Amino acid sequence: MTAATAQIAFRYRPQDSATGVTRTTAKRLAEVLGVDETQVIHLALHELATKFLPQYEADEGALTKAQLSQVKKSAPKAKGGTVRSSLFELESA
């Protein structure tokens, strides 16, 4: 992708709202943050990305019964005391 095709048009809103800001607001943010207007846009997009996009690869879901059994077998056995909580569902006797 070339630099020319990697850019988008950006238009400020005529007034601040929940879906956009004026250039005046962007300039004020840039001044407060000590960056330029372009960096303000990047910071805002980064904040949205970390808030709404997964920050890790999806796994294969829940463990199978065989995998859970293997984890239980390889976990160290408790030496006395009582179990106050467990990561696993306790089987009823």
PDB file of N, CA and C in Angstrom:
ATOM      1  N   MET A   1       0.847  -1.169   0.000  1.00  0.00           N
ATOM      2  CA  MET A   1       0.000   0.000   0.000  1.00  0.00           C
ATOM      3  C   MET A   1       0.899   1.240   0.000  1.00  0.00           C
ATOM      4  N   THR A   2       0.697   2.134  -0.923  1.00  0.00           N
ATOM      5  CA  THR A   2       1.514   3.339  -0.986  1.00  0.00           C
ATOM      6  C   THR A   2       1.010   4.373   0.002  1.00  0.00           C
ATOM      7  N   ALA A   3       1.845   5.365   0.253  1.00  0.00           N
ATOM      8  CA  ALA A   3       1.479   6.407   1.226  1.00  0.00           C
ATOM      9  C   ALA A   3       0.217   7.144   0.801  1.00  0.00           C
ATOM     10  N   ALA A   4       0.049   7.379  -0.488  1.00  0.00           N
ATOM     11  CA  ALA A   4      -1.131   8.116  -0.968  1.00  0.00           C
ATOM     12  C   ALA A   4      -2.407   7.312  -0.746  1.00  0.00           C
ATOM     13  N   THR A   5      -2.376   5.996  -0.939  1.00  0.00           N
ATOM     14  CA  THR A   5      -3.579   5.191  -0.754  1.00  0.00           C
ATOM     15  C   THR A   5      -3.822   4.839   0.704  1.00  0.00           C
ATOM     16  N   ALA A   6      -2.810   5.048   1.567  1.00  0.00           N
ATOM     17  CA  ALA A   6      -2.960   4.714   2.982  1.00  0.00           C
ATOM     18  C   ALA A   6      -3.606   5.853   3.760  1.00  0.00           C
ATOM     19  N   GLN A   7      -3.920   6.962   3.117  1.00  0.00           N
ATOM     20  CA  GLN A   7      -4.501   8.103   3.810  1.00  0.00           C
ATOM     21  C   GLN A   7      -5.996   8.172   3.584  1.00  0.00           C
ATOM     22  N   ILE A   8      -6.684   8.827   4.507  1.00  0.00           N
ATOM     23  CA  ILE A   8      -8.123   9.038   4.370  1.00  0.00           C
ATOM     24  C   ILE A   8      -8.418  10.524   4.546  1.00  0.00           C
ATOM     25  N   ALA A   9      -9.556  10.949   4.025  1.00  0.00           N
ATOM     26  CA  ALA A   9      -9.988  12.325   4.251  1.00  0.00           C
ATOM     27  C   ALA A   9     -10.580  12.409   5.654  1.00  0.00           C
ATOM     28  N   PHE A  10     -10.277  13.466   6.353  1.00  0.00           N
ATOM     29  CA  PHE A  10     -10.810  13.659   7.698  1.00  0.00           C
ATOM     30  C   PHE A  10     -11.439  15.036   7.757  1.00  0.00           C
ATOM     31  N   ARG A  11     -12.708  15.077   8.148  1.00  0.00           N
ATOM     32  CA  ARG A  11     -13.405  16.349   8.265  1.00  0.00           C
ATOM     33  C   ARG A  11     -13.840  16.553   9.705  1.00  0.00           C
ATOM     34  N   TYR A  12     -13.498  17.711  10.227  1.00  0.00           N
ATOM     35  CA  TYR A  12     -13.969  18.059  11.566  1.00  0.00           C
ATOM     36  C   TYR A  12     -15.457  18.355  11.501  1.00  0.00           C
ATOM     37  N   ARG A  13     -16.151  18.243  12.609  1.00  0.00           N
ATOM     38  CA  ARG A  13     -17.580  18.529  12.687  1.00  0.00           C
ATOM     39  C   ARG A  13     -17.792  20.025  12.907  1.00  0.00           C
ATOM     40  N   PRO A  14     -18.945  20.547  12.474  1.00  0.00           N
ATOM     41  CA  PRO A  14     -19.225  21.966  12.700  1.00  0.00           C
ATOM     42  C   PRO A  14     -19.454  22.292  14.180  1.00  0.00           C
ATOM     43  N   GLN A  15     -19.845  21.274  14.963  1.00  0.00           N
ATOM     44  CA  GLN A  15     -19.982  21.447  16.413  1.00  0.00           C
ATOM     45  C   GLN A  15     -19.648  20.140  17.100  1.00  0.00           C
ATOM     46  N   ASP A  16     -19.199  20.229  18.337  1.00  0.00           N
ATOM     47  CA  ASP A  16     -18.861  19.038  19.116  1.00  0.00           C
ATOM     48  C   ASP A  16     -20.123  18.229  19.402  1.00  0.00           C
ATOM     49  N   SER A  17     -19.993  16.911  19.296  1.00  0.00           N
ATOM     50  CA  SER A  17     -21.113  16.020  19.595  1.00  0.00           C
ATOM     51  C   SER A  17     -20.546  14.669  20.023  1.00  0.00           C
ATOM     52  N   ALA A  18     -21.423  13.728  20.265  1.00  0.00           N
ATOM     53  CA  ALA A  18     -20.997  12.381  20.659  1.00  0.00           C
ATOM     54  C   ALA A  18     -20.281  11.653  19.518  1.00  0.00           C
ATOM     55  N   THR A  19     -20.430  12.146  18.289  1.00  0.00           N
ATOM     56  CA  THR A  19     -19.837  11.454  17.141  1.00  0.00           C
ATOM     57  C   THR A  19     -18.737  12.248  16.452  1.00  0.00           C
ATOM     58  N   GLY A  20     -18.308  13.346  17.032  1.00  0.00           N
ATOM     59  CA  GLY A  20     -17.232  14.104  16.407  1.00  0.00           C
ATOM     60  C   GLY A  20     -16.925  15.379  17.160  1.00  0.00           C
ATOM     61  N   VAL A  21     -15.803  16.012  16.767  1.00  0.00           N
ATOM     62  CA  VAL A  21     -15.383  17.248  17.414  1.00  0.00           C
ATOM     63  C   VAL A  21     -15.038  18.308  16.377  1.00  0.00           C
ATOM     64  N   THR A  22     -15.012  19.547  16.819  1.00  0.00           N
ATOM     65  CA  THR A  22     -14.604  20.651  15.967  1.00  0.00           C
ATOM     66  C   THR A  22     -13.082  20.725  15.929  1.00  0.00           C
ATOM     67  N   ARG A  23     -12.559  21.479  14.985  1.00  0.00           N
ATOM     68  CA  ARG A  23     -11.112  21.654  14.929  1.00  0.00           C
ATOM     69  C   ARG A  23     -10.619  22.398  16.160  1.00  0.00           C
ATOM     70  N   THR A  24     -11.437  23.299  16.677  1.00  0.00           N
ATOM     71  CA  THR A  24     -11.062  24.029  17.890  1.00  0.00           C
ATOM     72  C   THR A  24     -10.811  23.063  19.041  1.00  0.00           C
ATOM     73  N   THR A  25     -11.697  22.087  19.196  1.00  0.00           N
ATOM     74  CA  THR A  25     -11.527  21.092  20.258  1.00  0.00           C
ATOM     75  C   THR A  25     -10.271  20.262  20.020  1.00  0.00           C
ATOM     76  N   ALA A  26     -10.027  19.857  18.782  1.00  0.00           N
ATOM     77  CA  ALA A  26      -8.822  19.075  18.471  1.00  0.00           C
ATOM     78  C   ALA A  26      -7.563  19.877  18.787  1.00  0.00           C
ATOM     79  N   LYS A  27      -7.572  21.157  18.451  1.00  0.00           N
ATOM     80  CA  LYS A  27      -6.416  22.010  18.749  1.00  0.00           C
ATOM     81  C   LYS A  27      -6.215  22.156  20.253  1.00  0.00           C
ATOM     82  N   ARG A  28      -7.305  22.295  21.001  1.00  0.00           N
ATOM     83  CA  ARG A  28      -7.206  22.402  22.461  1.00  0.00           C
ATOM     84  C   ARG A  28      -6.629  21.119  23.054  1.00  0.00           C
ATOM     85  N   LEU A  29      -7.111  19.964  22.559  1.00  0.00           N
ATOM     86  CA  LEU A  29      -6.574  18.681  23.029  1.00  0.00           C
ATOM     87  C   LEU A  29      -5.091  18.568  22.713  1.00  0.00           C
ATOM     88  N   ALA A  30      -4.705  18.948  21.509  1.00  0.00           N
ATOM     89  CA  ALA A  30      -3.299  18.878  21.108  1.00  0.00           C
ATOM     90  C   ALA A  30      -2.431  19.724  22.031  1.00  0.00           C
ATOM     91  N   GLU A  31      -2.917  20.910  22.353  1.00  0.00           N
ATOM     92  CA  GLU A  31      -2.166  21.800  23.241  1.00  0.00           C
ATOM     93  C   GLU A  31      -2.031  21.201  24.639  1.00  0.00           C
ATOM     94  N   VAL A  32      -3.125  20.676  25.175  1.00  0.00           N
ATOM     95  CA  VAL A  32      -3.103  20.089  26.520  1.00  0.00           C
ATOM     96  C   VAL A  32      -2.197  18.859  26.567  1.00  0.00           C
ATOM     97  N   LEU A  33      -2.244  18.041  25.519  1.00  0.00           N
ATOM     98  CA  LEU A  33      -1.456  16.806  25.487  1.00  0.00           C
ATOM     99  C   LEU A  33      -0.021  17.030  25.011  1.00  0.00           C
ATOM    100  N   GLY A  34       0.254  18.177  24.439  1.00  0.00           N
ATOM    101  CA  GLY A  34       1.607  18.467  23.949  1.00  0.00           C
ATOM    102  C   GLY A  34       1.959  17.732  22.675  1.00  0.00           C
ATOM    103  N   VAL A  35       0.956  17.490  21.830  1.00  0.00           N
ATOM    104  CA  VAL A  35       1.169  16.802  20.551  1.00  0.00           C
ATOM    105  C   VAL A  35       0.484  17.601  19.442  1.00  0.00           C
ATOM    106  N   ASP A  36       0.627  17.146  18.188  1.00  0.00           N
ATOM    107  CA  ASP A  36      -0.083  17.827  17.105  1.00  0.00           C
ATOM    108  C   ASP A  36      -1.464  17.205  16.895  1.00  0.00           C
ATOM    109  N   GLU A  37      -2.264  17.821  16.018  1.00  0.00           N
ATOM    110  CA  GLU A  37      -3.640  17.348  15.800  1.00  0.00           C
ATOM    111  C   GLU A  37      -3.684  15.923  15.259  1.00  0.00           C
ATOM    112  N   THR A  38      -2.745  15.577  14.402  1.00  0.00           N
ATOM    113  CA  THR A  38      -2.712  14.212  13.859  1.00  0.00           C
ATOM    114  C   THR A  38      -2.499  13.200  14.978  1.00  0.00           C
ATOM    115  N   GLN A  39      -1.609  13.518  15.903  1.00  0.00           N
ATOM    116  CA  GLN A  39      -1.347  12.606  17.021  1.00  0.00           C
ATOM    117  C   GLN A  39      -2.571  12.483  17.914  1.00  0.00           C
ATOM    118  N   VAL A  40      -3.332  13.561  18.082  1.00  0.00           N
ATOM    119  CA  VAL A  40      -4.572  13.505  18.862  1.00  0.00           C
ATOM    120  C   VAL A  40      -5.516  12.482  18.250  1.00  0.00           C
ATOM    121  N   ILE A  41      -5.636  12.498  16.932  1.00  0.00           N
ATOM    122  CA  ILE A  41      -6.512  11.542  16.237  1.00  0.00           C
ATOM    123  C   ILE A  41      -6.003  10.122  16.458  1.00  0.00           C
ATOM    124  N   HIS A  42      -4.696   9.925  16.336  1.00  0.00           N
ATOM    125  CA  HIS A  42      -4.127   8.587  16.557  1.00  0.00           C
ATOM    126  C   HIS A  42      -4.348   8.118  17.991  1.00  0.00           C
ATOM    127  N   LEU A  43      -4.174   9.008  18.963  1.00  0.00           N
ATOM    128  CA  LEU A  43      -4.397   8.639  20.361  1.00  0.00           C
ATOM    129  C   LEU A  43      -5.849   8.235  20.596  1.00  0.00           C
ATOM    130  N   ALA A  44      -6.779   8.989  20.007  1.00  0.00           N
ATOM    131  CA  ALA A  44      -8.199   8.665  20.169  1.00  0.00           C
ATOM    132  C   ALA A  44      -8.521   7.312  19.541  1.00  0.00           C
ATOM    133  N   LEU A  45      -7.989   7.061  18.345  1.00  0.00           N
ATOM    134  CA  LEU A  45      -8.238   5.775  17.680  1.00  0.00           C
ATOM    135  C   LEU A  45      -7.610   4.620  18.460  1.00  0.00           C
ATOM    136  N   HIS A  46      -6.434   4.848  19.026  1.00  0.00           N
ATOM    137  CA  HIS A  46      -5.793   3.800  19.828  1.00  0.00           C
ATOM    138  C   HIS A  46      -6.638   3.470  21.052  1.00  0.00           C
ATOM    139  N   GLU A  47      -7.163   4.499  21.705  1.00  0.00           N
ATOM    140  CA  GLU A  47      -8.009   4.266  22.880  1.00  0.00           C
ATOM    141  C   GLU A  47      -9.248   3.456  22.511  1.00  0.00           C
ATOM    142  N   LEU A  48      -9.873   3.789  21.383  1.00  0.00           N
ATOM    143  CA  LEU A  48     -11.037   3.021  20.926  1.00  0.00           C
ATOM    144  C   LEU A  48     -10.654   1.583  20.594  1.00  0.00           C
ATOM    145  N   ALA A  49      -9.506   1.406  19.948  1.00  0.00           N
ATOM    146  CA  ALA A  49      -9.069   0.060  19.573  1.00  0.00           C
ATOM    147  C   ALA A  49      -8.848  -0.814  20.799  1.00  0.00           C
ATOM    148  N   THR A  50      -8.189  -0.273  21.816  1.00  0.00           N
ATOM    149  CA  THR A  50      -7.937  -1.086  23.010  1.00  0.00           C
ATOM    150  C   THR A  50      -9.207  -1.318  23.811  1.00  0.00           C
ATOM    151  N   LYS A  51     -10.172  -0.433  23.681  1.00  0.00           N
ATOM    152  CA  LYS A  51     -11.428  -0.597  24.413  1.00  0.00           C
ATOM    153  C   LYS A  51     -12.355  -1.613  23.743  1.00  0.00           C
ATOM    154  N   PHE A  52     -12.404  -1.626  22.421  1.00  0.00           N
ATOM    155  CA  PHE A  52     -13.404  -2.434  21.729  1.00  0.00           C
ATOM    156  C   PHE A  52     -12.877  -3.658  20.980  1.00  0.00           C
ATOM    157  N   LEU A  53     -11.598  -3.707  20.667  1.00  0.00           N
ATOM    158  CA  LEU A  53     -11.057  -4.844  19.922  1.00  0.00           C
ATOM    159  C   LEU A  53     -10.348  -5.800  20.865  1.00  0.00           C
ATOM    160  N   PRO A  54     -10.454  -7.112  20.624  1.00  0.00           N
ATOM    161  CA  PRO A  54      -9.749  -8.080  21.472  1.00  0.00           C
ATOM    162  C   PRO A  54      -8.245  -7.811  21.424  1.00  0.00           C
ATOM    163  N   GLN A  55      -7.589  -7.923  22.560  1.00  0.00           N
ATOM    164  CA  GLN A  55      -6.158  -7.671  22.638  1.00  0.00           C
ATOM    165  C   GLN A  55      -5.355  -8.974  22.650  1.00  0.00           C
ATOM    166  N   TYR A  56      -6.004 -10.074  22.269  1.00  0.00           N
ATOM    167  CA  TYR A  56      -5.348 -11.368  22.258  1.00  0.00           C
ATOM    168  C   TYR A  56      -6.037 -12.237  21.216  1.00  0.00           C
ATOM    169  N   GLU A  57      -5.350 -13.257  20.791  1.00  0.00           N
ATOM    170  CA  GLU A  57      -5.916 -14.205  19.844  1.00  0.00           C
ATOM    171  C   GLU A  57      -6.962 -15.063  20.553  1.00  0.00           C
ATOM    172  N   ALA A  58      -8.055 -15.332  19.876  1.00  0.00           N
ATOM    173  CA  ALA A  58      -9.090 -16.195  20.445  1.00  0.00           C
ATOM    174  C   ALA A  58      -8.528 -17.603  20.627  1.00  0.00           C
ATOM    175  N   ASP A  59      -8.888 -18.265  21.726  1.00  0.00           N
ATOM    176  CA  ASP A  59      -8.428 -19.623  21.939  1.00  0.00           C
ATOM    177  C   ASP A  59      -9.460 -20.612  21.407  1.00  0.00           C
ATOM    178  N   GLU A  60      -9.259 -21.876  21.699  1.00  0.00           N
ATOM    179  CA  GLU A  60     -10.155 -22.910  21.178  1.00  0.00           C
ATOM    180  C   GLU A  60     -11.384 -23.127  22.058  1.00  0.00           C
ATOM    181  N   GLY A  61     -11.580 -22.291  23.038  1.00  0.00           N
ATOM    182  CA  GLY A  61     -12.754 -22.435  23.895  1.00  0.00           C
ATOM    183  C   GLY A  61     -12.452 -23.215  25.159  1.00  0.00           C
ATOM    184  N   ALA A  62     -13.500 -23.742  25.758  1.00  0.00           N
ATOM    185  CA  ALA A  62     -13.382 -24.462  27.030  1.00  0.00           C
ATOM    186  C   ALA A  62     -12.560 -25.739  26.866  1.00  0.00           C
ATOM    187  N   LEU A  63     -11.950 -26.159  27.974  1.00  0.00           N
ATOM    188  CA  LEU A  63     -11.191 -27.414  27.966  1.00  0.00           C
ATOM    189  C   LEU A  63     -12.137 -28.600  27.831  1.00  0.00           C
ATOM    190  N   THR A  64     -11.658 -29.634  27.177  1.00  0.00           N
ATOM    191  CA  THR A  64     -12.440 -30.859  27.081  1.00  0.00           C
ATOM    192  C   THR A  64     -12.334 -31.583  28.420  1.00  0.00           C
ATOM    193  N   LYS A  65     -13.172 -32.586  28.630  1.00  0.00           N
ATOM    194  CA  LYS A  65     -13.115 -33.368  29.870  1.00  0.00           C
ATOM    195  C   LYS A  65     -11.755 -34.044  30.020  1.00  0.00           C
ATOM    196  N   ALA A  66     -11.201 -34.524  28.913  1.00  0.00           N
ATOM    197  CA  ALA A  66      -9.893 -35.180  28.956  1.00  0.00           C
ATOM    198  C   ALA A  66      -8.800 -34.177  29.353  1.00  0.00           C
ATOM    199  N   GLN A  67      -8.846 -32.988  28.795  1.00  0.00           N
ATOM    200  CA  GLN A  67      -7.851 -31.971  29.141  1.00  0.00           C
ATOM    201  C   GLN A  67      -7.989 -31.562  30.606  1.00  0.00           C
ATOM    202  N   LEU A  68      -9.210 -31.384  31.063  1.00  0.00           N
ATOM    203  CA  LEU A  68      -9.453 -31.013  32.456  1.00  0.00           C
ATOM    204  C   LEU A  68      -8.939 -32.101  33.397  1.00  0.00           C
ATOM    205  N   SER A  69      -9.163 -33.352  33.055  1.00  0.00           N
ATOM    206  CA  SER A  69      -8.682 -34.470  33.857  1.00  0.00           C
ATOM    207  C   SER A  69      -7.159 -34.461  33.915  1.00  0.00           C
ATOM    208  N   GLN A  70      -6.525 -34.177  32.779  1.00  0.00           N
ATOM    209  CA  GLN A  70      -5.061 -34.139  32.728  1.00  0.00           C
ATOM    210  C   GLN A  70      -4.525 -33.007  33.616  1.00  0.00           C
ATOM    211  N   VAL A  71      -5.167 -31.857  33.605  1.00  0.00           N
ATOM    212  CA  VAL A  71      -4.749 -30.736  34.456  1.00  0.00           C
ATOM    213  C   VAL A  71      -4.877 -31.121  35.917  1.00  0.00           C
ATOM    214  N   LYS A  72      -5.998 -31.744  36.287  1.00  0.00           N
ATOM    215  CA  LYS A  72      -6.217 -32.142  37.677  1.00  0.00           C
ATOM    216  C   LYS A  72      -5.171 -33.152  38.125  1.00  0.00           C
ATOM    217  N   LYS A  73      -4.793 -34.098  37.240  1.00  0.00           N
ATOM    218  CA  LYS A  73      -3.799 -35.113  37.591  1.00  0.00           C
ATOM    219  C   LYS A  73      -2.417 -34.497  37.770  1.00  0.00           C
ATOM    220  N   SER A  74      -2.085 -33.494  36.971  1.00  0.00           N
ATOM    221  CA  SER A  74      -0.742 -32.913  37.037  1.00  0.00           C
ATOM    222  C   SER A  74      -0.612 -31.818  38.093  1.00  0.00           C
ATOM    223  N   ALA A  75      -1.714 -31.342  38.628  1.00  0.00           N
ATOM    224  CA  ALA A  75      -1.666 -30.312  39.671  1.00  0.00           C
ATOM    225  C   ALA A  75      -1.198 -30.923  40.973  1.00  0.00           C
ATOM    226  N   PRO A  76      -0.405 -30.175  41.736  1.00  0.00           N
ATOM    227  CA  PRO A  76       0.050 -30.718  43.018  1.00  0.00           C
ATOM    228  C   PRO A  76      -1.135 -30.944  43.957  1.00  0.00           C
ATOM    229  N   LYS A  77      -1.018 -31.996  44.750  1.00  0.00           N
ATOM    230  CA  LYS A  77      -2.087 -32.338  45.690  1.00  0.00           C
ATOM    231  C   LYS A  77      -2.003 -31.433  46.916  1.00  0.00           C
ATOM    232  N   ALA A  78      -3.143 -31.050  47.435  1.00  0.00           N
ATOM    233  CA  ALA A  78      -3.195 -30.218  48.640  1.00  0.00           C
ATOM    234  C   ALA A  78      -2.701 -31.011  49.837  1.00  0.00           C
ATOM    235  N   LYS A  79      -1.992 -30.331  50.721  1.00  0.00           N
ATOM    236  CA  LYS A  79      -1.465 -30.990  51.924  1.00  0.00           C
ATOM    237  C   LYS A  79      -2.218 -30.450  53.118  1.00  0.00           C
ATOM    238  N   GLY A  80      -3.345 -31.062  53.427  1.00  0.00           N
ATOM    239  CA  GLY A  80      -4.139 -30.628  54.567  1.00  0.00           C
ATOM    240  C   GLY A  80      -4.883 -29.335  54.246  1.00  0.00           C
ATOM    241  N   GLY A  81      -5.565 -28.787  55.205  1.00  0.00           N
ATOM    242  CA  GLY A  81      -6.305 -27.555  55.014  1.00  0.00           C
ATOM    243  C   GLY A  81      -7.622 -27.806  54.293  1.00  0.00           C
ATOM    244  N   THR A  82      -8.301 -26.747  54.033  1.00  0.00           N
ATOM    245  CA  THR A  82      -9.585 -26.862  53.341  1.00  0.00           C
ATOM    246  C   THR A  82      -9.556 -26.025  52.077  1.00  0.00           C
ATOM    247  N   VAL A  83     -10.356 -26.436  51.120  1.00  0.00           N
ATOM    248  CA  VAL A  83     -10.463 -25.704  49.862  1.00  0.00           C
ATOM    249  C   VAL A  83     -11.563 -24.663  50.022  1.00  0.00           C
ATOM    250  N   ARG A  84     -11.209 -23.393  49.858  1.00  0.00           N
ATOM    251  CA  ARG A  84     -12.188 -22.316  50.005  1.00  0.00           C
ATOM    252  C   ARG A  84     -12.832 -21.982  48.671  1.00  0.00           C
ATOM    253  N   SER A  85     -12.103 -22.164  47.596  1.00  0.00           N
ATOM    254  CA  SER A  85     -12.659 -21.951  46.268  1.00  0.00           C
ATOM    255  C   SER A  85     -11.843 -22.780  45.285  1.00  0.00           C
ATOM    256  N   SER A  86     -12.418 -22.984  44.108  1.00  0.00           N
ATOM    257  CA  SER A  86     -11.752 -23.809  43.112  1.00  0.00           C
ATOM    258  C   SER A  86     -11.978 -23.214  41.731  1.00  0.00           C
ATOM    259  N   LEU A  87     -11.005 -23.423  40.865  1.00  0.00           N
ATOM    260  CA  LEU A  87     -11.169 -23.005  39.473  1.00  0.00           C
ATOM    261  C   LEU A  87     -12.042 -23.987  38.717  1.00  0.00           C
ATOM    262  N   PHE A  88     -12.244 -25.160  39.286  1.00  0.00           N
ATOM    263  CA  PHE A  88     -12.983 -26.212  38.611  1.00  0.00           C
ATOM    264  C   PHE A  88     -14.266 -26.517  39.374  1.00  0.00           C
ATOM    265  N   GLU A  89     -15.237 -26.994  38.615  1.00  0.00           N
ATOM    266  CA  GLU A  89     -16.475 -27.436  39.265  1.00  0.00           C
ATOM    267  C   GLU A  89     -16.168 -28.675  40.095  1.00  0.00           C
ATOM    268  N   LEU A  90     -16.640 -28.675  41.312  1.00  0.00           N
ATOM    269  CA  LEU A  90     -16.392 -29.831  42.183  1.00  0.00           C
ATOM    270  C   LEU A  90     -17.429 -30.894  41.906  1.00  0.00           C
ATOM    271  N   GLU A  91     -16.952 -32.122  41.742  1.00  0.00           N
ATOM    272  CA  GLU A  91     -17.871 -33.229  41.501  1.00  0.00           C
ATOM    273  C   GLU A  91     -18.555 -33.613  42.802  1.00  0.00           C
ATOM    274  N   SER A  92     -19.863 -33.779  42.756  1.00  0.00           N
ATOM    275  CA  SER A  92     -20.575 -34.152  43.976  1.00  0.00           C
ATOM    276  C   SER A  92     -20.368 -35.641  44.247  1.00  0.00           C
ATOM    277  N   ALA A  93     -20.235 -35.985  45.527  1.00  0.00           N
ATOM    278  CA  ALA A  93     -19.928 -37.360  45.927  1.00  0.00           C
ATOM    279  C   ALA A  93     -21.133 -38.246  45.866  1.00  0.00           C
TER     280      ALA A  93
END
